[in-house]
Amino acid sequence: MSKEIHLSERAKLVENIIFLDGHTRAGKMFLANLIEGFENVEKFLYFSIPEQISQLNMLGFIEKETAKAIIGSQIDNFVYNRVIGRNLNFRFSDKSSITNSPKADSYMKRLFEEDGDSAVQKIKKSEKIFPFVLHEAMSNIKLFFDIYPKLKVIKIKRNPVDLTYSWFKRGYGKRWGKDPKVFSIPIKGKNGPVPWFAYQWTDKYAKMSEMDRIITSMQTLNKMSIKSLKKLPDNYSKRIHFLTYELLSTKPEPELEKISNFLKRKITPEMKLLMAKERFIPHPKTERKEKIDVIKKNSSKECYSAILELGKQYEEKWEKN
């Protein structure tokens, strides 16, 4: 081309966004199902494009301005479709289904409301917060803050030992790129596909056992999040709220109060209905010894020691209560 082309800014449809972030199996859906119980907060949405674009940007496949343009456009498109009743989920067993919402009737009514400019004005006037579930957004979180300066993030954490066991039971030491139900985009290794976050140890990946791959994944994702957070300006860091699966699932009321203060939105009467559908459990540490035995049996000494150390650090920082 004789003339260089540049992308232009576009008018945004939504600014009030919450990201519900965490590792796979950390309890994001548990958190997401409760988030609608706060005043003027929409039922959560999930689609994988924002997290995939962020990961491809971080790896250098998509440059920053292009990534920002795609993510902003796709989130606006997704919200617009939700508000006019398009692409609603009616699958009863899904947590994201509107049939599991105490506000199901209000979502159904959208099927008969006007679209176009009328829908845009409705969104602008409502001051609703739109929550999105993401995986590993923290690894490149500044990109999202650059798109949405008003963004708030709730990061749910879970003990790495419990996560490692859960990943192993779900086959996440071998499914990346081979199971079509895993929609994360892999990268190329010498002997096949490798998880995107293993880009610095692709050669080692093929030689590792399933459990060692998972443990090294936990180490890698932890380091990536810490590194990304350290680079954030203070005004963005203050817009991230951390909570743990352990406390949310065993002592939910204080954690929900903290979220209420963070979002500056009151807890509504619907919260009791949402909580009644969830499974609240004894503290996961009561079953941790059996999980550690499984991990030890299937891992190398080096990786076993590494996950025990990660678990110890987590317990000291996050499981004090």
Protein backbone atom coordinates (compact mmCIF):
# COMPACT_ATOMS: atom_id res chain seq x y z
CA MET A 1 0.00 0.00 0.00
CA SER A 2 1.20 3.52 -0.79
CA LYS A 3 -0.39 4.99 2.37
CA GLU A 4 0.15 3.79 5.92
CA ILE A 5 -3.12 2.96 7.70
CA HIS A 6 -3.71 3.55 11.39
CA LEU A 7 -6.55 2.38 13.61
CA SER A 8 -8.82 5.07 15.04
CA GLU A 9 -10.49 5.40 18.43
CA ARG A 10 -14.17 4.41 18.47
CA ALA A 11 -16.93 5.51 20.80
CA LYS A 12 -17.30 3.01 23.65
CA LEU A 13 -20.65 1.56 24.58
CA VAL A 14 -19.68 0.45 28.10
CA GLU A 15 -17.14 1.68 30.64
CA ASN A 16 -18.34 -0.05 33.83
CA ILE A 17 -16.65 -3.43 33.53
CA ILE A 18 -15.63 -5.97 36.19
CA PHE A 19 -13.25 -8.77 35.37
CA LEU A 20 -13.58 -11.90 37.51
CA ASP A 21 -10.16 -13.43 37.05
CA GLY A 22 -8.29 -16.47 38.26
CA HIS A 23 -6.59 -19.71 37.27
CA THR A 24 -8.57 -22.51 35.67
CA ARG A 25 -10.38 -24.37 38.51
CA ALA A 26 -9.80 -21.53 41.01
CA GLY A 27 -13.52 -20.99 41.67
CA LYS A 28 -14.35 -18.21 39.21
CA MET A 29 -17.79 -19.62 38.40
CA PHE A 30 -18.56 -19.90 42.10
CA LEU A 31 -17.73 -16.21 42.48
CA ALA A 32 -19.44 -15.28 39.22
CA ASN A 33 -22.74 -16.83 40.23
CA LEU A 34 -22.83 -14.64 43.34
CA ILE A 35 -21.80 -11.38 41.67
CA GLU A 36 -25.32 -10.75 40.35
CA GLY A 37 -26.43 -10.40 43.97
CA PHE A 38 -25.02 -6.87 44.14
CA GLU A 39 -27.02 -3.78 43.28
CA ASN A 40 -27.27 -3.03 39.56
CA VAL A 41 -24.77 -5.72 38.53
CA GLU A 42 -25.61 -7.74 35.44
CA LYS A 43 -25.41 -11.54 35.32
CA PHE A 44 -21.87 -12.49 34.40
CA LEU A 45 -20.76 -13.03 30.82
CA TYR A 46 -18.07 -15.32 29.49
CA PHE A 47 -16.47 -15.46 26.10
CA SER A 48 -12.86 -16.24 25.40
CA ILE A 49 -11.85 -13.56 22.86
CA PRO A 50 -10.52 -10.92 25.32
CA GLU A 51 -8.27 -13.37 27.16
CA GLN A 52 -7.05 -14.96 23.91
CA ILE A 53 -6.23 -11.59 22.33
CA SER A 54 -4.42 -10.55 25.51
CA GLN A 55 -2.33 -13.73 25.48
CA LEU A 56 -1.49 -13.37 21.78
CA ASN A 57 -0.48 -9.74 22.41
CA MET A 58 1.78 -10.77 25.29
CA LEU A 59 3.47 -13.37 23.08
CA GLY A 60 4.00 -10.85 20.28
CA PHE A 61 1.52 -12.23 17.72
CA ILE A 62 -0.75 -9.16 17.91
CA GLU A 63 0.52 -5.64 18.53
CA LYS A 64 -0.98 -3.59 21.36
CA GLU A 65 -3.19 -1.11 19.48
CA THR A 66 -4.75 -3.90 17.43
CA ALA A 67 -5.36 -5.95 20.58
CA LYS A 68 -7.03 -2.97 22.30
CA ALA A 69 -9.26 -2.31 19.28
CA ILE A 70 -10.45 -5.93 19.02
CA ILE A 71 -11.08 -6.36 22.75
CA GLY A 72 -13.00 -3.07 23.07
CA SER A 73 -15.12 -3.76 20.02
CA GLN A 74 -15.91 -7.35 20.98
CA ILE A 75 -16.88 -6.52 24.57
CA ASP A 76 -19.21 -3.74 23.35
CA ASN A 77 -20.72 -6.14 20.82
CA PHE A 78 -21.23 -8.81 23.48
CA VAL A 79 -22.87 -6.38 25.93
CA TYR A 80 -25.13 -4.91 23.25
CA ASN A 81 -26.36 -8.37 22.26
CA ARG A 82 -27.01 -9.26 25.90
CA VAL A 83 -29.02 -6.08 26.51
CA ILE A 84 -31.31 -6.66 23.51
CA GLY A 85 -31.86 -10.32 24.44
CA ARG A 86 -29.68 -11.77 21.72
CA ASN A 87 -27.52 -14.85 22.49
CA LEU A 88 -29.04 -15.45 25.91
CA ASN A 89 -28.09 -18.78 27.45
CA PHE A 90 -31.06 -21.00 28.34
CA ARG A 91 -29.09 -24.17 29.13
CA PHE A 92 -30.39 -25.17 32.57
CA SER A 93 -27.19 -26.83 33.84
CA ASP A 94 -24.93 -23.84 33.02
CA LYS A 95 -24.14 -21.32 35.74
CA SER A 96 -24.20 -18.63 33.05
CA SER A 97 -27.78 -19.55 32.07
CA ILE A 98 -30.40 -16.88 32.73
CA THR A 99 -32.64 -19.69 33.99
CA ASN A 100 -30.40 -19.76 37.08
CA SER A 101 -30.91 -16.05 37.72
CA PRO A 102 -33.45 -14.63 40.20
CA LYS A 103 -33.93 -11.93 37.56
CA ALA A 104 -34.73 -14.39 34.76
CA ASP A 105 -38.01 -12.65 33.91
CA SER A 106 -36.27 -9.32 33.30
CA TYR A 107 -33.79 -10.98 30.93
CA MET A 108 -36.64 -12.66 29.06
CA LYS A 109 -38.39 -9.31 28.55
CA ARG A 110 -35.40 -8.08 26.58
CA LEU A 111 -36.45 -10.37 23.73
CA PHE A 112 -39.34 -8.00 23.06
CA GLU A 113 -37.66 -4.62 23.63
CA GLU A 114 -36.31 -2.22 21.01
CA ASP A 115 -32.77 -2.49 19.71
CA GLY A 116 -30.62 0.18 18.04
CA ASP A 117 -30.24 3.63 19.62
CA SER A 118 -32.92 2.86 22.19
CA ALA A 119 -30.81 -0.02 23.54
CA VAL A 120 -27.69 2.16 23.57
CA GLN A 121 -29.44 4.82 25.63
CA LYS A 122 -30.72 2.15 28.00
CA ILE A 123 -27.18 0.97 28.63
CA LYS A 124 -25.86 4.50 29.14
CA LYS A 125 -28.60 5.47 31.61
CA SER A 126 -28.66 2.25 33.62
CA GLU A 127 -25.19 2.59 35.19
CA LYS A 128 -25.07 -1.20 35.25
CA ILE A 129 -21.82 -3.00 35.88
CA PHE A 130 -21.08 -5.79 33.40
CA PRO A 131 -18.96 -8.66 34.84
CA PHE A 132 -16.80 -10.80 32.58
CA VAL A 133 -15.13 -14.07 33.58
CA LEU A 134 -11.55 -14.36 32.34
CA HIS A 135 -8.69 -16.81 32.74
CA GLU A 136 -5.20 -15.56 33.58
CA ALA A 137 -5.99 -11.90 32.79
CA MET A 138 -3.51 -10.86 35.47
CA SER A 139 -0.60 -11.94 33.26
CA ASN A 140 -1.24 -8.94 30.98
CA ILE A 141 -3.62 -6.87 33.10
CA LYS A 142 -2.29 -3.42 32.12
CA LEU A 143 -3.57 -3.97 28.58
CA PHE A 144 -7.13 -4.16 29.95
CA PHE A 145 -6.68 -1.10 32.17
CA ASP A 146 -5.42 0.82 29.12
CA ILE A 147 -8.72 0.00 27.39
CA TYR A 148 -10.94 0.53 30.45
CA PRO A 149 -9.52 3.09 32.93
CA LYS A 150 -12.59 2.52 35.16
CA LEU A 151 -12.09 -1.26 35.14
CA LYS A 152 -12.30 -3.17 38.41
CA VAL A 153 -10.85 -6.65 38.82
CA ILE A 154 -11.75 -9.30 41.37
CA LYS A 155 -9.04 -11.93 41.46
CA ILE A 156 -9.97 -15.22 43.12
CA LYS A 157 -7.04 -17.25 44.41
CA ARG A 158 -6.85 -20.88 45.49
CA ASN A 159 -4.19 -22.96 47.16
CA PRO A 160 -1.73 -24.20 44.48
CA VAL A 161 -1.79 -27.71 45.97
CA ASP A 162 -5.56 -27.95 45.51
CA LEU A 163 -5.27 -26.45 42.03
CA THR A 164 -2.56 -28.92 41.04
CA TYR A 165 -4.67 -31.85 42.18
CA SER A 166 -7.74 -30.48 40.37
CA TRP A 167 -5.79 -29.89 37.14
CA PHE A 168 -4.43 -33.44 37.31
CA LYS A 169 -7.88 -34.94 37.77
CA ARG A 170 -9.14 -32.88 34.81
CA GLY A 171 -6.24 -33.94 32.57
CA TYR A 172 -4.64 -30.51 32.20
CA GLY A 173 -1.22 -32.08 31.96
CA LYS A 174 -2.04 -33.49 28.52
CA ARG A 175 -5.16 -31.85 27.04
CA TRP A 176 -3.76 -28.53 25.75
CA GLY A 177 -4.14 -28.38 21.99
CA LYS A 178 -5.30 -32.00 21.78
CA ASP A 179 -8.76 -31.82 23.31
CA PRO A 180 -11.11 -29.64 21.19
CA LYS A 181 -13.04 -28.77 24.37
CA VAL A 182 -10.03 -26.80 25.64
CA PHE A 183 -10.43 -23.54 23.74
CA SER A 184 -7.19 -21.88 24.85
CA ILE A 185 -4.89 -21.27 21.87
CA PRO A 186 -1.68 -23.34 22.26
CA ILE A 187 1.77 -22.65 20.89
CA LYS A 188 3.96 -25.04 18.96
CA GLY A 189 6.42 -27.30 20.76
CA LYS A 190 8.89 -29.76 19.30
CA ASN A 191 6.54 -32.70 19.83
CA GLY A 192 3.16 -31.04 19.58
CA PRO A 193 1.08 -28.26 21.10
CA VAL A 194 2.08 -26.59 24.37
CA PRO A 195 0.08 -24.22 26.66
CA TRP A 196 0.60 -20.55 25.76
CA PHE A 197 2.12 -19.79 29.17
CA ALA A 198 4.83 -22.45 28.71
CA TYR A 199 6.52 -20.43 25.96
CA GLN A 200 9.84 -20.32 27.88
CA TRP A 201 9.99 -24.05 28.57
CA THR A 202 8.51 -25.69 25.45
CA ASP A 203 11.46 -28.08 25.11
CA LYS A 204 11.09 -29.31 28.69
CA TYR A 205 7.32 -29.71 28.37
CA ALA A 206 7.46 -32.80 26.16
CA LYS A 207 9.87 -34.59 28.50
CA MET A 208 7.87 -33.97 31.67
CA SER A 209 5.27 -36.15 33.33
CA GLU A 210 1.72 -34.82 33.44
CA MET A 211 2.03 -33.84 37.09
CA ASP A 212 5.37 -32.09 36.61
CA ARG A 213 3.89 -30.10 33.74
CA ILE A 214 1.05 -28.95 35.98
CA ILE A 215 3.33 -28.02 38.87
CA THR A 216 5.63 -26.06 36.56
CA SER A 217 2.53 -24.37 35.12
CA MET A 218 1.53 -23.26 38.65
CA GLN A 219 5.01 -21.82 39.21
CA THR A 220 4.97 -20.06 35.84
CA LEU A 221 1.51 -18.51 36.17
CA ASN A 222 2.32 -17.34 39.69
CA LYS A 223 5.51 -15.62 38.52
CA MET A 224 3.76 -14.05 35.53
CA SER A 225 1.04 -12.55 37.73
CA ILE A 226 3.52 -11.15 40.26
CA LYS A 227 5.67 -9.62 37.51
CA SER A 228 2.64 -8.04 35.82
CA LEU A 229 1.27 -6.61 39.07
CA LYS A 230 4.61 -5.03 39.99
CA LYS A 231 4.52 -3.03 36.77
CA LEU A 232 1.07 -1.57 37.44
CA PRO A 233 0.75 2.08 38.49
CA ASP A 234 -0.75 2.54 41.98
CA ASN A 235 -4.02 3.95 40.62
CA TYR A 236 -4.61 0.67 38.77
CA SER A 237 -3.40 -1.60 41.58
CA LYS A 238 -6.05 -0.10 43.86
CA ARG A 239 -8.72 -1.27 41.41
CA ILE A 240 -7.90 -4.96 42.03
CA HIS A 241 -9.54 -6.87 44.87
CA PHE A 242 -8.09 -10.21 45.96
CA LEU A 243 -10.08 -12.92 47.68
CA THR A 244 -9.65 -16.65 48.22
CA TYR A 245 -11.79 -19.59 47.28
CA GLU A 246 -11.14 -21.00 50.74
CA LEU A 247 -12.83 -18.09 52.54
CA LEU A 248 -15.55 -17.44 49.96
CA SER A 249 -16.67 -21.08 50.08
CA THR A 250 -16.51 -21.46 53.88
CA LYS A 251 -17.19 -17.98 55.34
CA PRO A 252 -18.93 -16.14 52.50
CA GLU A 253 -20.65 -13.26 54.35
CA PRO A 254 -17.51 -11.27 55.30
CA GLU A 255 -16.08 -11.79 51.81
CA LEU A 256 -19.28 -10.56 50.15
CA GLU A 257 -19.21 -7.47 52.37
CA LYS A 258 -15.67 -6.74 51.18
CA ILE A 259 -16.77 -7.09 47.57
CA SER A 260 -19.71 -4.77 48.27
CA ASN A 261 -17.32 -2.12 49.60
CA PHE A 262 -14.96 -2.62 46.66
CA LEU A 263 -17.71 -2.26 44.04
CA LYS A 264 -19.57 0.39 46.05
CA ARG A 265 -22.76 -1.59 45.41
CA LYS A 266 -25.12 -2.89 48.10
CA ILE A 267 -25.92 -6.56 48.58
CA THR A 268 -29.48 -7.20 47.36
CA PRO A 269 -32.12 -9.62 48.73
CA GLU A 270 -31.48 -11.82 45.68
CA MET A 271 -28.11 -12.77 47.16
CA LYS A 272 -29.80 -15.28 49.49
CA LEU A 273 -31.37 -17.01 46.49
CA LEU A 274 -28.05 -17.16 44.68
CA MET A 275 -26.25 -18.50 47.77
CA ALA A 276 -28.89 -21.20 48.21
CA LYS A 277 -27.87 -22.66 44.84
CA GLU A 278 -24.18 -22.87 45.76
CA ARG A 279 -22.33 -25.55 47.70
CA PHE A 280 -20.56 -24.20 50.76
CA ILE A 281 -17.97 -26.59 52.13
CA PRO A 282 -15.66 -27.32 55.07
CA HIS A 283 -12.23 -25.75 54.65
CA PRO A 284 -10.41 -27.53 51.77
CA LYS A 285 -7.34 -28.11 53.94
CA THR A 286 -9.23 -31.00 55.60
CA GLU A 287 -8.78 -33.02 52.39
CA ARG A 288 -5.35 -31.72 51.44
CA LYS A 289 -3.27 -34.62 52.78
CA GLU A 290 -4.91 -37.08 50.35
CA LYS A 291 -4.27 -34.67 47.49
CA ILE A 292 -0.62 -34.25 48.47
CA ASP A 293 -0.22 -38.05 48.44
CA VAL A 294 -1.51 -38.20 44.84
CA ILE A 295 0.80 -35.35 43.81
CA LYS A 296 3.83 -37.01 45.42
CA LYS A 297 3.11 -40.33 43.72
CA ASN A 298 2.97 -38.74 40.25
CA SER A 299 5.68 -36.05 40.39
CA SER A 300 9.47 -35.79 40.49
CA LYS A 301 11.16 -34.94 43.79
CA GLU A 302 12.07 -31.48 42.49
CA CYS A 303 8.54 -30.59 41.40
CA TYR A 304 7.00 -32.14 44.51
CA SER A 305 9.19 -29.92 46.70
CA ALA A 306 8.32 -26.91 44.55
CA ILE A 307 4.55 -27.33 44.90
CA LEU A 308 4.82 -27.91 48.65
CA GLU A 309 6.75 -24.64 48.91
CA LEU A 310 4.16 -22.79 46.82
CA GLY A 311 1.42 -24.23 49.00
CA LYS A 312 3.27 -23.19 52.18
CA GLN A 313 3.69 -19.62 50.89
CA TYR A 314 0.01 -19.47 50.02
CA GLU A 315 -1.08 -20.77 53.43
CA GLU A 316 1.10 -18.21 55.23
CA LYS A 317 -0.24 -15.29 53.18
CA TRP A 318 -3.83 -16.20 52.37
CA GLU A 319 -5.04 -18.91 54.76
CA LYS A 320 -4.27 -17.17 58.05
CA ASN A 321 -7.97 -16.91 58.83
